[in-house]
Amino acid sequence: MEAKKTSRKDHPPQIRSVAKALMILDLLAASQREMSLAELAREMELPKSTLHGLLSTLRDYGYIEQSAFDGRYRLGIRLFEIGNAVANNWDVRRVAAPYIQHLVEELEETVHLVILDKGEVLYIDKRESRQSLRIVSQVGMRLPAHCTGVGKVLLAYLHPSEVKRIIALKGLPRYTRNTITDPRRLEAELEKIRSQGYAIDNEEIMDGLRCVAAPLREHNGKVCAAISVSGPAARMDGERLQLAIDRITRTAAEISAGLGYRPVVESDASGA
């Protein structure tokens, strides 16, 4: 199990000892158990003498620990400390800020960043469109979840029992003729959102307003927030609506990656 060699000429060469040390950590993490020197040497196809030096260095710095009883190795507490430090820096507003600024400049429509709080959507950031006809909103504003794009996205990834609890608490009041007020219709809408990966508020909370929203995921895959692009229905139509869908889903994926989310890629049946 040798360290991979880069094939790109413009890519800096790997430091092999560092690469091997990181491979030890990956192997211990994947095995989810303690491993002996012999097991590690066999899995990595390295001489025990080479591997022993790497293990000793990682142990001295706290990245792995060695059992006092049988000499087996496991991941160390230092990795837990570093993981917590990284997680503490994954503030969604900070990570999302440059992405949503780029989005508003590209689409020239208002972009919002929203979380779900007490069964309602809470707007935690907003980047304003320069268009003369804009969306009236502000940071700190709360709106119902069932009739907003961001709200429907956030509801879509909750447990069904939690969605029912929110409906029981907040109801499904009508705001426009397009507002979904039937729980069964809302359930079907949420299923559609999960399938396609985005939501559309088609004049459901305000006549003349259309919104496209997509979920943001943190490192563990949990949906923690949503972003949306909103504009007058007359502008958010046809090709511009499709452009908004493409850009909002792409941006949501980029922000999620910045929050540490890595989607699981399924291999095909052939094993290729």
Protein backbone atom coordinates (compact mmCIF):
# COMPACT_ATOMS: atom_id res chain seq x y z
CA MET A 1 0.00 0.00 0.00
CA GLU A 2 2.51 2.58 -1.20
CA ALA A 3 1.95 6.34 -1.11
CA LYS A 4 0.40 7.53 -4.37
CA LYS A 5 2.65 9.32 -6.80
CA THR A 6 1.24 12.35 -8.51
CA SER A 7 1.06 12.23 -12.30
CA ARG A 8 0.60 15.95 -12.77
CA LYS A 9 3.80 17.84 -13.51
CA ASP A 10 2.44 21.07 -12.05
CA HIS A 11 1.51 19.42 -8.74
CA PRO A 12 4.14 19.62 -5.97
CA PRO A 13 5.69 16.24 -5.06
CA GLN A 14 4.50 14.47 -1.94
CA ILE A 15 6.78 14.05 1.06
CA ARG A 16 6.67 10.29 1.31
CA SER A 17 7.19 10.03 5.07
CA VAL A 18 4.31 12.44 5.69
CA ALA A 19 2.10 10.58 3.23
CA LYS A 20 2.85 7.27 4.96
CA ALA A 21 2.12 8.75 8.39
CA LEU A 22 -1.24 10.01 7.17
CA MET A 23 -1.98 6.61 5.65
CA ILE A 24 -1.40 5.05 9.09
CA LEU A 25 -4.03 7.36 10.56
CA ASP A 26 -6.45 6.58 7.73
CA LEU A 27 -5.91 2.83 8.20
CA LEU A 28 -6.50 2.96 11.95
CA ALA A 29 -9.59 5.09 11.42
CA ALA A 30 -10.99 2.70 8.81
CA SER A 31 -10.30 -0.43 10.89
CA GLN A 32 -12.04 1.00 13.99
CA ARG A 33 -9.93 -1.23 16.21
CA GLU A 34 -6.45 -1.51 17.64
CA MET A 35 -3.84 -2.93 15.26
CA SER A 36 -0.47 -4.52 15.86
CA LEU A 37 2.79 -3.53 14.21
CA ALA A 38 2.66 -6.70 12.13
CA GLU A 39 -0.89 -5.99 10.93
CA LEU A 40 -0.04 -2.43 9.97
CA ALA A 41 3.11 -3.53 8.16
CA ARG A 42 1.17 -6.15 6.22
CA GLU A 43 -1.65 -3.78 5.26
CA MET A 44 0.71 -0.99 4.20
CA GLU A 45 3.32 -3.29 2.66
CA LEU A 46 6.10 -1.58 4.55
CA PRO A 47 9.07 -2.99 6.51
CA LYS A 48 8.47 -3.12 10.25
CA SER A 49 11.58 -1.03 10.88
CA THR A 50 10.28 1.82 8.67
CA LEU A 51 6.82 1.62 10.15
CA HIS A 52 8.10 1.55 13.73
CA GLY A 53 9.79 4.93 13.30
CA LEU A 54 6.62 6.49 11.91
CA LEU A 55 4.49 5.02 14.70
CA SER A 56 6.90 6.24 17.37
CA THR A 57 6.77 9.79 16.01
CA LEU A 58 2.97 9.81 15.79
CA ARG A 59 2.77 8.42 19.33
CA ASP A 60 5.16 11.04 20.72
CA TYR A 61 2.94 13.81 19.30
CA GLY A 62 -0.27 12.24 20.60
CA TYR A 63 -1.78 11.31 17.23
CA ILE A 64 -1.78 7.61 18.10
CA GLU A 65 -1.62 5.68 21.36
CA GLN A 66 -0.05 2.31 22.16
CA SER A 67 -1.57 -0.20 24.53
CA ALA A 68 0.59 -0.91 27.58
CA PHE A 69 -0.73 -4.50 27.62
CA ASP A 70 -0.22 -5.85 24.10
CA GLY A 71 1.55 -3.04 22.22
CA ARG A 72 -1.27 -2.49 19.73
CA TYR A 73 -1.91 0.95 18.25
CA ARG A 74 -5.06 3.09 18.14
CA LEU A 75 -5.90 6.68 17.25
CA GLY A 76 -4.87 9.24 19.87
CA ILE A 77 -6.70 11.96 21.76
CA ARG A 78 -4.83 14.66 19.83
CA LEU A 79 -6.95 13.89 16.77
CA PHE A 80 -10.10 14.44 18.83
CA GLU A 81 -8.78 17.80 20.02
CA ILE A 82 -7.94 18.88 16.48
CA GLY A 83 -11.32 17.69 15.23
CA ASN A 84 -13.08 19.84 17.80
CA ALA A 85 -10.97 22.84 16.83
CA VAL A 86 -11.90 22.37 13.17
CA ALA A 87 -15.59 21.95 13.98
CA ASN A 88 -15.57 25.15 16.03
CA ASN A 89 -14.34 27.04 12.98
CA TRP A 90 -17.16 25.76 10.77
CA ASP A 91 -19.40 28.76 11.31
CA VAL A 92 -21.97 28.69 8.53
CA ARG A 93 -22.19 32.47 8.17
CA ARG A 94 -18.45 32.90 7.88
CA VAL A 95 -18.05 30.02 5.44
CA ALA A 96 -21.06 31.02 3.32
CA ALA A 97 -20.34 34.77 3.10
CA PRO A 98 -18.04 34.86 0.04
CA TYR A 99 -20.15 32.32 -1.84
CA ILE A 100 -23.43 34.15 -1.39
CA GLN A 101 -21.78 37.47 -2.25
CA HIS A 102 -20.57 35.95 -5.53
CA LEU A 103 -24.05 34.54 -6.12
CA VAL A 104 -25.80 37.89 -5.73
CA GLU A 105 -23.28 39.52 -8.06
CA GLU A 106 -23.77 36.79 -10.66
CA LEU A 107 -27.57 36.61 -10.58
CA GLU A 108 -28.29 40.20 -9.52
CA GLU A 109 -31.03 39.00 -7.18
CA THR A 110 -31.28 38.96 -3.38
CA VAL A 111 -29.67 36.01 -1.59
CA HIS A 112 -30.59 34.84 1.92
CA LEU A 113 -28.99 32.49 4.45
CA VAL A 114 -31.51 30.92 6.81
CA ILE A 115 -31.77 28.43 9.66
CA LEU A 116 -34.79 26.68 11.21
CA ASP A 117 -35.53 27.89 14.74
CA LYS A 118 -38.60 27.01 16.84
CA GLY A 119 -40.44 25.76 13.77
CA GLU A 120 -39.88 28.98 11.81
CA VAL A 121 -37.23 30.18 9.37
CA LEU A 122 -34.80 32.71 10.83
CA TYR A 123 -32.84 34.89 8.40
CA ILE A 124 -29.21 35.11 9.59
CA ASP A 125 -27.62 36.79 6.55
CA LYS A 126 -28.77 38.70 3.48
CA ARG A 127 -27.02 40.09 0.40
CA GLU A 128 -29.05 42.71 -1.40
CA SER A 129 -29.74 42.89 -5.12
CA ARG A 130 -28.93 46.14 -6.88
CA GLN A 131 -32.10 45.89 -8.93
CA SER A 132 -34.58 48.74 -8.51
CA LEU A 133 -37.30 46.21 -7.67
CA ARG A 134 -36.02 44.22 -4.67
CA ILE A 135 -37.19 41.92 -1.91
CA VAL A 136 -38.11 43.56 1.40
CA SER A 137 -36.41 41.47 4.08
CA GLN A 138 -33.87 41.80 6.86
CA VAL A 139 -31.53 39.75 9.04
CA GLY A 140 -33.38 38.55 12.13
CA MET A 141 -36.70 38.29 10.30
CA ARG A 142 -38.81 35.18 10.92
CA LEU A 143 -41.24 33.62 8.45
CA PRO A 144 -43.35 30.44 8.32
CA ALA A 145 -41.57 27.33 7.04
CA HIS A 146 -44.34 25.75 4.97
CA CYS A 147 -44.66 28.57 2.41
CA THR A 148 -41.04 29.68 1.90
CA GLY A 149 -38.41 28.03 -0.28
CA VAL A 150 -35.85 27.90 2.51
CA GLY A 151 -38.47 26.68 4.97
CA LYS A 152 -39.60 23.83 2.75
CA VAL A 153 -35.98 22.78 2.19
CA LEU A 154 -35.34 22.69 5.93
CA LEU A 155 -38.58 20.79 6.59
CA ALA A 156 -37.76 18.28 3.85
CA TYR A 157 -34.75 16.94 5.74
CA LEU A 158 -36.38 16.68 9.16
CA HIS A 159 -37.78 13.46 10.58
CA PRO A 160 -41.46 13.16 9.57
CA SER A 161 -42.52 13.21 13.22
CA GLU A 162 -40.79 16.58 13.67
CA VAL A 163 -42.55 17.97 10.60
CA LYS A 164 -45.90 16.84 12.04
CA ARG A 165 -45.04 18.47 15.36
CA ILE A 166 -44.26 21.78 13.64
CA ILE A 167 -47.51 21.63 11.64
CA ALA A 168 -49.46 20.92 14.81
CA LEU A 169 -47.79 23.85 16.53
CA LYS A 170 -47.78 26.41 13.71
CA GLY A 171 -50.54 25.23 11.40
CA LEU A 172 -50.49 25.77 7.63
CA PRO A 173 -52.01 29.25 7.26
CA ARG A 174 -52.75 30.57 3.78
CA TYR A 175 -50.90 33.64 2.53
CA THR A 176 -51.64 33.47 -1.20
CA ARG A 177 -53.70 31.27 -3.51
CA ASN A 178 -50.55 29.13 -4.03
CA THR A 179 -49.86 28.45 -0.35
CA ILE A 180 -49.87 24.74 0.51
CA THR A 181 -52.37 24.25 3.32
CA ASP A 182 -53.00 20.50 3.06
CA PRO A 183 -50.55 18.33 5.09
CA ARG A 184 -50.67 15.59 2.45
CA ARG A 185 -49.76 18.04 -0.31
CA LEU A 186 -46.94 19.40 1.82
CA GLU A 187 -45.65 15.87 2.43
CA ALA A 188 -45.59 15.24 -1.34
CA GLU A 189 -43.84 18.57 -1.87
CA LEU A 190 -41.15 17.70 0.67
CA GLU A 191 -40.58 14.33 -1.01
CA LYS A 192 -40.12 16.13 -4.33
CA ILE A 193 -37.62 18.51 -2.75
CA ARG A 194 -35.56 15.63 -1.36
CA SER A 195 -35.58 13.99 -4.79
CA GLN A 196 -34.48 17.04 -6.77
CA GLY A 197 -32.31 18.71 -4.13
CA TYR A 198 -33.92 22.15 -4.14
CA ALA A 199 -37.20 23.92 -3.43
CA ILE A 200 -39.18 26.60 -5.22
CA ASP A 201 -41.46 29.08 -3.51
CA ASN A 202 -43.84 29.85 -6.36
CA GLU A 203 -45.60 32.92 -4.99
CA GLU A 204 -46.60 30.96 -1.88
CA ILE A 205 -45.95 33.60 0.76
CA MET A 206 -46.24 36.73 -1.36
CA ASP A 207 -47.87 37.37 -4.71
CA GLY A 208 -45.28 38.21 -7.36
CA LEU A 209 -42.35 36.68 -5.42
CA ARG A 210 -40.48 33.57 -6.54
CA CYS A 211 -37.62 31.92 -4.68
CA VAL A 212 -35.26 29.00 -5.23
CA ALA A 213 -33.59 27.41 -2.18
CA ALA A 214 -31.12 24.60 -1.48
CA PRO A 215 -29.89 22.87 1.70
CA LEU A 216 -26.50 23.30 3.37
CA ARG A 217 -24.96 20.27 5.07
CA GLU A 218 -22.38 20.19 7.81
CA HIS A 219 -19.57 17.66 8.15
CA ASN A 220 -21.82 14.87 9.44
CA GLY A 221 -24.27 15.24 6.55
CA LYS A 222 -26.97 16.93 8.63
CA VAL A 223 -28.79 19.82 6.96
CA CYS A 224 -27.97 22.84 9.12
CA ALA A 225 -29.15 25.81 7.03
CA ALA A 226 -30.43 26.81 3.61
CA ILE A 227 -29.65 29.47 1.05
CA SER A 228 -32.05 31.05 -1.40
CA VAL A 229 -32.16 33.46 -4.29
CA SER A 230 -35.34 35.54 -4.49
CA GLY A 231 -36.77 37.92 -7.00
CA PRO A 232 -39.93 39.10 -8.73
CA ALA A 233 -41.72 36.24 -10.49
CA ALA A 234 -41.55 38.20 -13.73
CA ARG A 235 -37.74 38.06 -13.61
CA MET A 236 -37.41 34.61 -12.03
CA ASP A 237 -38.93 32.74 -14.95
CA GLY A 238 -37.90 30.58 -17.90
CA GLU A 239 -34.15 30.50 -18.52
CA ARG A 240 -33.41 32.81 -15.59
CA LEU A 241 -35.26 30.49 -13.23
CA GLN A 242 -33.28 27.52 -14.51
CA LEU A 243 -30.05 29.51 -14.13
CA ALA A 244 -31.03 30.31 -10.55
CA ILE A 245 -31.65 26.60 -9.85
CA ASP A 246 -28.29 25.63 -11.32
CA ARG A 247 -26.37 28.31 -9.43
CA ILE A 248 -28.10 27.87 -6.07
CA THR A 249 -27.56 24.10 -6.02
CA ARG A 250 -23.93 24.48 -7.09
CA THR A 251 -23.30 27.16 -4.46
CA ALA A 252 -25.00 25.08 -1.76
CA ALA A 253 -22.68 22.17 -2.61
CA GLU A 254 -19.63 24.45 -2.41
CA ILE A 255 -20.65 25.88 0.95
CA SER A 256 -21.39 22.38 2.27
CA ALA A 257 -17.88 21.31 1.23
CA GLY A 258 -16.53 24.32 3.11
CA LEU A 259 -18.43 23.10 6.18
CA GLY A 260 -16.69 19.73 5.90
CA TYR A 261 -19.39 17.72 4.13
CA ARG A 262 -18.15 15.00 1.79
CA PRO A 263 -20.90 13.20 -0.13
CA VAL A 264 -20.71 9.42 -0.25
CA VAL A 265 -19.86 8.26 -3.77
CA GLU A 266 -21.34 4.87 -4.56
CA SER A 267 -19.18 2.58 -6.69
CA ASP A 268 -20.81 0.76 -9.58
CA ALA A 269 -21.49 -2.95 -9.60
CA SER A 270 -18.41 -3.71 -11.72
CA GLY A 271 -16.15 -2.35 -9.00
CA ALA A 272 -14.62 0.16 -11.41
